[in-house]
Amino acid sequence: MATRAQVLIPIGIAAIIIGAAGIISIPNDAKLEQTQFPRGIVKIDDIPLQVQIADTRPLQIRGLMFQEKLPYDQGMLFVFDDGAIRSMWMLNRMLNPVNRQSRPLPARLQLEIRQNMFSK
């Protein structure tokens, strides 16, 4: 039977390699700490939300990384060229919590907002 170290060491090494590969694969323009997103306003149930628009691949990769706050009436709108089914994961997420309710439906748009934004 394998010892705890024999199991955990390979898992730890694999995690480091995967993490390093993920960081290396991020485009340079997505790594900048201050990225300027186009801005716009969307309305949901007559509630206006100011949104940052991630409409290019580097901006989509960057997403909400390194942002320390997301005001209650703001969000990020991801705009894609096609209506594929996507799952999203955020590296270096400093915000907590963000409402990300995925639907298993194809979509060209995905909106990230503060959790419980529409629960009132």
Protein backbone atom coordinates (compact mmCIF):
# COMPACT_ATOMS: atom_id res chain seq x y z
CA MET A 1 0.00 0.00 0.00
CA ALA A 2 1.31 3.44 -0.92
CA THR A 3 2.23 5.84 1.84
CA ARG A 4 0.69 9.27 2.13
CA ALA A 5 3.90 10.90 0.81
CA GLN A 6 4.02 8.56 -2.20
CA VAL A 7 0.52 9.72 -3.14
CA LEU A 8 0.76 13.42 -2.27
CA ILE A 9 4.17 14.23 -3.78
CA PRO A 10 3.21 13.34 -7.39
CA ILE A 11 -0.09 15.20 -6.98
CA GLY A 12 1.75 18.28 -5.70
CA ILE A 13 4.25 18.17 -8.57
CA ALA A 14 1.41 17.82 -11.10
CA ALA A 15 -0.41 20.79 -9.56
CA ILE A 16 2.70 22.98 -9.81
CA ILE A 17 3.27 21.99 -13.45
CA ILE A 18 -0.37 22.62 -14.40
CA GLY A 19 -0.38 25.98 -12.59
CA ALA A 20 2.86 27.09 -14.26
CA ALA A 21 1.55 26.02 -17.68
CA GLY A 22 -1.64 28.00 -17.07
CA ILE A 23 0.23 31.16 -16.13
CA ILE A 24 2.61 30.85 -19.09
CA SER A 25 -0.31 30.41 -21.50
CA ILE A 26 -1.98 33.71 -20.48
CA PRO A 27 -1.34 36.32 -23.21
CA ASN A 28 0.91 39.20 -22.12
CA ASP A 29 -1.80 41.81 -22.66
CA ALA A 30 -4.08 39.89 -20.30
CA LYS A 31 -1.45 39.91 -17.53
CA LEU A 32 -1.36 43.68 -17.12
CA GLU A 33 -2.58 44.77 -13.70
CA GLN A 34 -4.50 47.74 -15.12
CA THR A 35 -6.49 46.75 -18.18
CA GLN A 36 -8.96 49.17 -19.74
CA PHE A 37 -12.20 47.51 -20.76
CA PRO A 38 -14.78 49.15 -22.98
CA ARG A 39 -17.80 50.12 -20.89
CA GLY A 40 -21.52 50.09 -21.44
CA ILE A 41 -24.87 49.87 -19.71
CA VAL A 42 -27.28 46.94 -19.80
CA LYS A 43 -30.74 46.83 -18.27
CA ILE A 44 -32.20 43.78 -16.58
CA ASP A 45 -35.74 44.16 -15.27
CA ASP A 46 -35.36 47.95 -15.71
CA ILE A 47 -32.30 47.93 -13.44
CA PRO A 48 -29.33 49.61 -15.18
CA LEU A 49 -25.96 47.92 -14.72
CA GLN A 50 -22.66 49.47 -15.71
CA VAL A 51 -20.61 46.74 -17.35
CA GLN A 52 -17.06 46.23 -18.45
CA ILE A 53 -17.16 44.56 -21.86
CA ALA A 54 -14.81 41.65 -22.56
CA ASP A 55 -15.21 41.31 -26.33
CA THR A 56 -11.73 40.17 -27.36
CA ARG A 57 -9.88 37.00 -26.39
CA PRO A 58 -7.26 38.82 -24.25
CA LEU A 59 -9.98 40.75 -22.39
CA GLN A 60 -12.00 37.55 -21.90
CA ILE A 61 -8.95 35.77 -20.51
CA ARG A 62 -8.25 38.70 -18.20
CA GLY A 63 -11.87 38.96 -17.05
CA LEU A 64 -12.17 40.10 -13.45
CA MET A 65 -8.67 38.95 -12.47
CA PHE A 66 -6.92 41.23 -10.00
CA GLN A 67 -10.01 43.41 -9.45
CA GLU A 68 -10.42 43.94 -5.74
CA LYS A 69 -13.98 45.21 -5.84
CA LEU A 70 -17.06 45.06 -8.00
CA PRO A 71 -19.66 47.67 -7.04
CA TYR A 72 -23.17 46.42 -6.51
CA ASP A 73 -24.53 47.97 -9.73
CA GLN A 74 -21.67 46.82 -11.98
CA GLY A 75 -20.61 43.67 -13.76
CA MET A 76 -18.70 42.24 -16.69
CA LEU A 77 -20.28 41.28 -19.99
CA PHE A 78 -18.45 38.62 -21.99
CA VAL A 79 -19.23 38.81 -25.72
CA PHE A 80 -18.32 35.80 -27.87
CA ASP A 81 -18.32 35.34 -31.65
CA ASP A 82 -20.30 32.13 -31.51
CA GLY A 83 -23.01 30.63 -29.37
CA ALA A 84 -21.01 27.77 -27.88
CA ILE A 85 -21.49 26.25 -24.43
CA ARG A 86 -18.69 27.50 -22.17
CA SER A 87 -17.56 26.95 -18.63
CA MET A 88 -15.56 29.70 -16.99
CA TRP A 89 -12.97 29.70 -14.26
CA MET A 90 -11.20 32.76 -12.89
CA LEU A 91 -7.48 32.74 -12.09
CA ASN A 92 -6.37 35.28 -9.47
CA ARG A 93 -9.92 36.13 -8.49
CA MET A 94 -9.87 38.67 -5.70
CA LEU A 95 -13.62 39.27 -5.67
CA ASN A 96 -15.91 37.31 -3.44
CA PRO A 97 -18.61 36.50 -4.18
CA VAL A 98 -19.48 36.76 -7.87
CA ASN A 99 -22.73 35.35 -9.17
CA ARG A 100 -21.95 32.88 -11.91
CA GLN A 101 -24.92 30.70 -12.61
CA SER A 102 -24.13 28.68 -15.68
CA ARG A 103 -26.84 27.36 -17.93
CA PRO A 104 -26.10 24.41 -20.16
CA LEU A 105 -27.26 26.42 -23.19
CA PRO A 106 -25.31 27.93 -26.06
CA ALA A 107 -24.85 31.68 -25.57
CA ARG A 108 -23.03 34.57 -27.21
CA LEU A 109 -23.22 36.67 -24.03
CA GLN A 110 -22.38 35.92 -20.40
CA LEU A 111 -22.90 38.44 -17.61
CA GLU A 112 -21.03 38.28 -14.30
CA ILE A 113 -22.54 40.31 -11.47
CA ARG A 114 -22.40 40.49 -7.70
CA GLN A 115 -24.02 37.59 -5.94
CA ASN A 116 -27.59 38.24 -4.86
CA MET A 117 -27.85 41.31 -7.13
CA PHE A 118 -31.43 40.44 -8.10
CA SER A 119 -32.57 38.68 -4.94
CA LYS A 120 -34.09 41.83 -3.42
